[in-house]
C-alpha atoms as a PDB file:
ATOM      1  CA  MET A   1      -2.982   7.874  15.303  1.00  0.00           C
ATOM      2  CA  GLU A   2      -3.447   4.549  13.461  1.00  0.00           C
ATOM      3  CA  ALA A   3      -6.463   3.840  15.427  1.00  0.00           C
ATOM      4  CA  LYS A   4      -7.870   7.317  14.538  1.00  0.00           C
ATOM      5  CA  ALA A   5      -7.233   6.690  10.809  1.00  0.00           C
ATOM      6  CA  LEU A   6      -8.946   3.246  10.926  1.00  0.00           C
ATOM      7  CA  LEU A   7     -11.880   4.863  12.848  1.00  0.00           C
ATOM      8  CA  ASP A   8     -12.251   7.747  10.336  1.00  0.00           C
ATOM      9  CA  MET A   9     -12.336   5.163   7.522  1.00  0.00           C
ATOM     10  CA  GLN A  10     -14.837   2.980   9.381  1.00  0.00           C
ATOM     11  CA  ASN A  11     -17.130   6.102   9.879  1.00  0.00           C
ATOM     12  CA  ILE A  12     -17.385   6.709   6.158  1.00  0.00           C
ATOM     13  CA  ILE A  13     -18.054   3.011   5.171  1.00  0.00           C
ATOM     14  CA  SER A  14     -21.486   1.795   5.703  1.00  0.00           C
ATOM     15  CA  GLU A  15     -20.616  -1.748   6.631  1.00  0.00           C
ATOM     16  CA  GLN A  16     -18.423  -3.195   9.391  1.00  0.00           C
ATOM     17  CA  LEU A  17     -14.805  -4.027   8.623  1.00  0.00           C
ATOM     18  CA  ILE A  18     -13.973  -7.748   9.071  1.00  0.00           C
ATOM     19  CA  ILE A  19     -10.778  -8.341  11.033  1.00  0.00           C
ATOM     20  CA  ASP A  20      -8.505 -10.775   9.227  1.00  0.00           C
ATOM     21  CA  PHE A  21      -5.128 -11.544  10.556  1.00  0.00           C
ATOM     22  CA  GLY A  22      -3.812 -12.816   7.353  1.00  0.00           C
ATOM     23  CA  TYR A  23      -5.403 -16.368   7.165  1.00  0.00           C
ATOM     24  CA  HIS A  24      -7.658 -15.459   4.340  1.00  0.00           C
ATOM     25  CA  GLU A  25      -5.977 -12.938   2.201  1.00  0.00           C
ATOM     26  CA  GLU A  26      -8.822 -13.110  -0.458  1.00  0.00           C
ATOM     27  CA  ILE A  27     -11.341 -11.735   2.047  1.00  0.00           C
ATOM     28  CA  PHE A  28     -12.416  -8.137   1.247  1.00  0.00           C
ATOM     29  CA  ASN A  29     -13.193  -5.476   3.840  1.00  0.00           C
ATOM     30  CA  ALA A  30     -10.410  -6.584   5.899  1.00  0.00           C
ATOM     31  CA  TYR A  31      -7.324  -5.349   7.679  1.00  0.00           C
ATOM     32  CA  ARG A  32      -4.177  -7.067   9.184  1.00  0.00           C
ATOM     33  CA  VAL A  33      -2.262  -5.849  12.246  1.00  0.00           C
ATOM     34  CA  GLN A  34       1.369  -6.930  12.873  1.00  0.00           C
ATOM     35  CA  HIS A  35       3.638  -5.765  15.627  1.00  0.00           C
ATOM     36  CA  ASN A  36       0.782  -3.540  16.831  1.00  0.00           C
ATOM     37  CA  HIS A  37       0.723  -1.593  13.633  1.00  0.00           C
ATOM     38  CA  LEU A  38      -1.780  -1.627  10.796  1.00  0.00           C
ATOM     39  CA  GLU A  39       0.000  -3.189   7.849  1.00  0.00           C
ATOM     40  CA  LYS A  40      -2.607  -4.284   5.266  1.00  0.00           C
ATOM     41  CA  ILE A  41      -6.135  -2.784   4.406  1.00  0.00           C
ATOM     42  CA  TRP A  42      -8.508  -4.451   1.854  1.00  0.00           C
ATOM     43  CA  ILE A  43     -11.513  -2.388   1.224  1.00  0.00           C
ATOM     44  CA  SER A  44     -12.224  -3.601  -2.234  1.00  0.00           C
ATOM     45  CA  GLY A  45     -15.669  -2.959  -3.718  1.00  0.00           C
ATOM     46  CA  VAL A  46     -16.786  -0.689  -0.753  1.00  0.00           C
ATOM     47  CA  LYS A  47     -17.975   2.604  -2.170  1.00  0.00           C
ATOM     48  CA  LEU A  48     -16.042   5.399  -0.437  1.00  0.00           C
ATOM     49  CA  PRO A  49     -17.190   9.005  -0.871  1.00  0.00           C
ATOM     50  CA  TYR A  50     -13.629  10.037   0.099  1.00  0.00           C
ATOM     51  CA  LEU A  51     -10.535   9.104   2.061  1.00  0.00           C
ATOM     52  CA  PRO A  52     -10.009  10.815   5.343  1.00  0.00           C
ATOM     53  CA  GLU A  53      -6.911  13.042   5.779  1.00  0.00           C
ATOM     54  CA  SER A  54      -5.975  10.773   8.712  1.00  0.00           C
ATOM     55  CA  ILE A  55      -5.141   8.059   6.270  1.00  0.00           C
ATOM     56  CA  GLY A  56      -1.655   9.523   6.275  1.00  0.00           C
ATOM     57  CA  ASN A  57      -1.193   8.484   9.879  1.00  0.00           C
ATOM     58  CA  LEU A  58      -0.911   4.817   8.808  1.00  0.00           C
ATOM     59  CA  LYS A  59       2.946   4.995   8.366  1.00  0.00           C
ATOM     60  CA  HIS A  60       3.383   1.199   8.663  1.00  0.00           C
ATOM     61  CA  LEU A  61       0.904   0.443   5.947  1.00  0.00           C
ATOM     62  CA  ARG A  62       2.427  -1.863   3.338  1.00  0.00           C
ATOM     63  CA  THR A  63      -0.670  -2.939   1.295  1.00  0.00           C
ATOM     64  CA  LEU A  64      -3.723  -0.864   0.568  1.00  0.00           C
ATOM     65  CA  ASP A  65      -6.481  -2.142  -1.701  1.00  0.00           C
ATOM     66  CA  LEU A  66      -9.286   0.389  -2.394  1.00  0.00           C
ATOM     67  CA  SER A  67     -10.293  -1.107  -5.733  1.00  0.00           C
ATOM     68  CA  GLY A  68     -13.812  -0.352  -6.860  1.00  0.00           C
ATOM     69  CA  GLY A  69     -14.304   2.203  -4.235  1.00  0.00           C
ATOM     70  CA  GLY A  70     -15.305   5.085  -6.507  1.00  0.00           C
ATOM     71  CA  ILE A  71     -12.831   7.511  -4.790  1.00  0.00           C
ATOM     72  CA  ASP A  72     -12.639  10.810  -6.704  1.00  0.00           C
ATOM     73  CA  PHE A  73      -9.367  12.039  -5.159  1.00  0.00           C
ATOM     74  CA  LEU A  74      -6.666  11.089  -2.777  1.00  0.00           C
ATOM     75  CA  PRO A  75      -5.837  13.439   0.187  1.00  0.00           C
ATOM     76  CA  THR A  76      -2.515  15.290   0.381  1.00  0.00           C
ATOM     77  CA  SER A  77      -1.560  13.261   3.411  1.00  0.00           C
ATOM     78  CA  PHE A  78      -1.544  10.060   1.169  1.00  0.00           C
ATOM     79  CA  GLY A  79       2.115  10.745   0.555  1.00  0.00           C
ATOM     80  CA  ASN A  80       2.860  10.042   4.097  1.00  0.00           C
ATOM     81  CA  LEU A  81       2.303   6.311   3.527  1.00  0.00           C
ATOM     82  CA  LYS A  82       6.125   5.839   2.889  1.00  0.00           C
ATOM     83  CA  ASN A  83       6.094   2.141   3.629  1.00  0.00           C
ATOM     84  CA  LEU A  84       3.480   1.400   1.064  1.00  0.00           C
ATOM     85  CA  LYS A  85       4.654  -1.335  -1.278  1.00  0.00           C
ATOM     86  CA  VAL A  86       1.321  -2.484  -2.979  1.00  0.00           C
ATOM     87  CA  LEU A  87      -1.512  -0.067  -3.937  1.00  0.00           C
ATOM     88  CA  ASP A  88      -4.731  -1.028  -5.808  1.00  0.00           C
ATOM     89  CA  LEU A  89      -6.694   1.836  -6.921  1.00  0.00           C
ATOM     90  CA  SER A  90      -8.446   0.086  -9.779  1.00  0.00           C
ATOM     91  CA  GLY A  91     -11.932   0.972 -10.457  1.00  0.00           C
ATOM     92  CA  CYS A  92     -11.821   4.396  -8.754  1.00  0.00           C
ATOM     93  CA  ASN A  93     -12.799   7.757 -10.289  1.00  0.00           C
ATOM     94  CA  LEU A  94      -9.308   9.328 -10.007  1.00  0.00           C
ATOM     95  CA  THR A  95      -8.242  11.954 -12.586  1.00  0.00           C
ATOM     96  CA  THR A  96      -5.131  13.173 -10.877  1.00  0.00           C
ATOM     97  CA  LEU A  97      -2.848  11.998  -8.128  1.00  0.00           C
ATOM     98  CA  PRO A  98      -1.709  14.347  -5.437  1.00  0.00           C
ATOM     99  CA  LYS A  99       1.841  15.872  -5.601  1.00  0.00           C
ATOM    100  CA  SER A 100       2.575  13.965  -2.373  1.00  0.00           C
ATOM    101  CA  PHE A 101       2.315  10.805  -4.225  1.00  0.00           C
ATOM    102  CA  GLU A 102       5.851  11.014  -5.359  1.00  0.00           C
ATOM    103  CA  ASN A 103       6.837  10.414  -1.659  1.00  0.00           C
ATOM    104  CA  LEU A 104       5.642   6.788  -1.975  1.00  0.00           C
ATOM    105  CA  GLN A 105       9.367   5.615  -2.785  1.00  0.00           C
ATOM    106  CA  LYS A 106       8.845   2.073  -1.484  1.00  0.00           C
ATOM    107  CA  LEU A 107       5.800   1.438  -3.786  1.00  0.00           C
ATOM    108  CA  GLN A 108       6.504  -1.664  -5.839  1.00  0.00           C
ATOM    109  CA  LYS A 109       3.088  -2.514  -7.451  1.00  0.00           C
ATOM    110  CA  LEU A 110       0.601   0.045  -8.562  1.00  0.00           C
ATOM    111  CA  TYR A 111      -2.782  -0.698 -10.045  1.00  0.00           C
ATOM    112  CA  LEU A 112      -4.685   2.128 -11.844  1.00  0.00           C
ATOM    113  CA  ARG A 113      -6.815   0.359 -14.249  1.00  0.00           C
ATOM    114  CA  GLY A 114     -10.513   1.648 -14.548  1.00  0.00           C
ATOM    115  CA  ASN A 115      -9.882   5.338 -13.576  1.00  0.00           C
ATOM    116  CA  CYS A 116     -10.416   8.587 -15.455  1.00  0.00           C
ATOM    117  CA  PHE A 117      -6.789   9.574 -16.353  1.00  0.00           C
ATOM    118  CA  ASP A 118      -6.491  11.195 -19.805  1.00  0.00           C
ATOM    119  CA  SER A 119      -2.770  10.087 -19.728  1.00  0.00           C
ATOM    120  CA  THR A 120      -0.348   8.407 -17.487  1.00  0.00           C
ATOM    121  CA  PRO A 121       0.220  10.421 -14.309  1.00  0.00           C
ATOM    122  CA  LYS A 122       3.696  11.811 -14.546  1.00  0.00           C
ATOM    123  CA  LEU A 123       4.376  11.391 -10.806  1.00  0.00           C
ATOM    124  CA  ILE A 124       4.629   7.581 -11.197  1.00  0.00           C
ATOM    125  CA  PHE A 125       8.078   8.187 -12.929  1.00  0.00           C
ATOM    126  CA  LYS A 126       9.376   9.321  -9.741  1.00  0.00           C
ATOM    127  CA  LEU A 127       8.646   6.167  -7.958  1.00  0.00           C
ATOM    128  CA  LYS A 128      12.156   4.450  -7.964  1.00  0.00           C
ATOM    129  CA  SER A 129      11.025   1.133  -6.582  1.00  0.00           C
ATOM    130  CA  LEU A 130       7.949   0.535  -8.883  1.00  0.00           C
ATOM    131  CA  LYS A 131       8.196  -2.747 -10.652  1.00  0.00           C
ATOM    132  CA  TYR A 132       4.620  -3.300 -11.809  1.00  0.00           C
ATOM    133  CA  PHE A 133       2.269  -0.751 -12.974  1.00  0.00           C
ATOM    134  CA  ASP A 134      -1.132  -1.612 -14.395  1.00  0.00           C
ATOM    135  CA  VAL A 135      -2.536   1.158 -16.663  1.00  0.00           C
ATOM    136  CA  TYR A 136      -4.478  -1.143 -19.050  1.00  0.00           C
ATOM    137  CA  ASP A 137      -7.170   1.349 -20.075  1.00  0.00           C
ATOM    138  CA  ILE A 138      -5.411   4.840 -20.099  1.00  0.00           C
ATOM    139  CA  ASP A 139      -5.802   6.248 -23.517  1.00  0.00           C
ATOM    140  CA  GLN A 140      -2.699   7.997 -23.780  1.00  0.00           C
ATOM    141  CA  LEU A 141       0.338   5.960 -22.520  1.00  0.00           C
ATOM    142  CA  ASP A 142       3.041   8.509 -21.672  1.00  0.00           C
ATOM    143  CA  PHE A 143       5.435   5.803 -20.627  1.00  0.00           C
ATOM    144  CA  PRO A 144       8.984   6.768 -21.925  1.00  0.00           C
ATOM    145  CA  ALA A 145      10.107   3.171 -22.185  1.00  0.00           C
ATOM    146  CA  TYR A 146       6.859   2.153 -23.777  1.00  0.00           C
ATOM    147  CA  ASN A 147       6.922   4.957 -26.306  1.00  0.00           C
ATOM    148  CA  LYS A 148      10.499   4.175 -27.353  1.00  0.00           C
ATOM    149  CA  LYS A 149       9.546   0.625 -28.138  1.00  0.00           C
ATOM    150  CA  ARG A 150       6.585   1.827 -30.162  1.00  0.00           C
ATOM    151  CA  GLU A 151       8.668   4.299 -32.245  1.00  0.00           C
ATOM    152  CA  LYS A 152      11.054   1.498 -33.425  1.00  0.00           C
END
């Protein structure tokens, strides 16, 4: 299942992925396998027309960097990435998040800077483990704690 997801992603990327076993975490277009499971994927700066539905098969994935990829939407299966802790979607073309996004209950860091959201996606408020959230350029910050501070 994991191999199919990686193959599906490779098929929509025009360049070859570089295999990196964690020695050079700054390398883009890389992935890391630990304990025979795909744990990290960095595909920063690679223009992806879409993400395959099979991305949801990567159940052991902990870090996913798709920044600068220009993705317009996330597939429904994205919510199956229940072990995801760090997600970078900066510089994509997202306007919404799928309802299944609320299933990412282990997500601790989320980067959404440089997308096309009119306001803060409400689904993020259901992410109980979220500790860091980058929304630098969202026009309407609908973040309850932030708005309370601004009203004082």
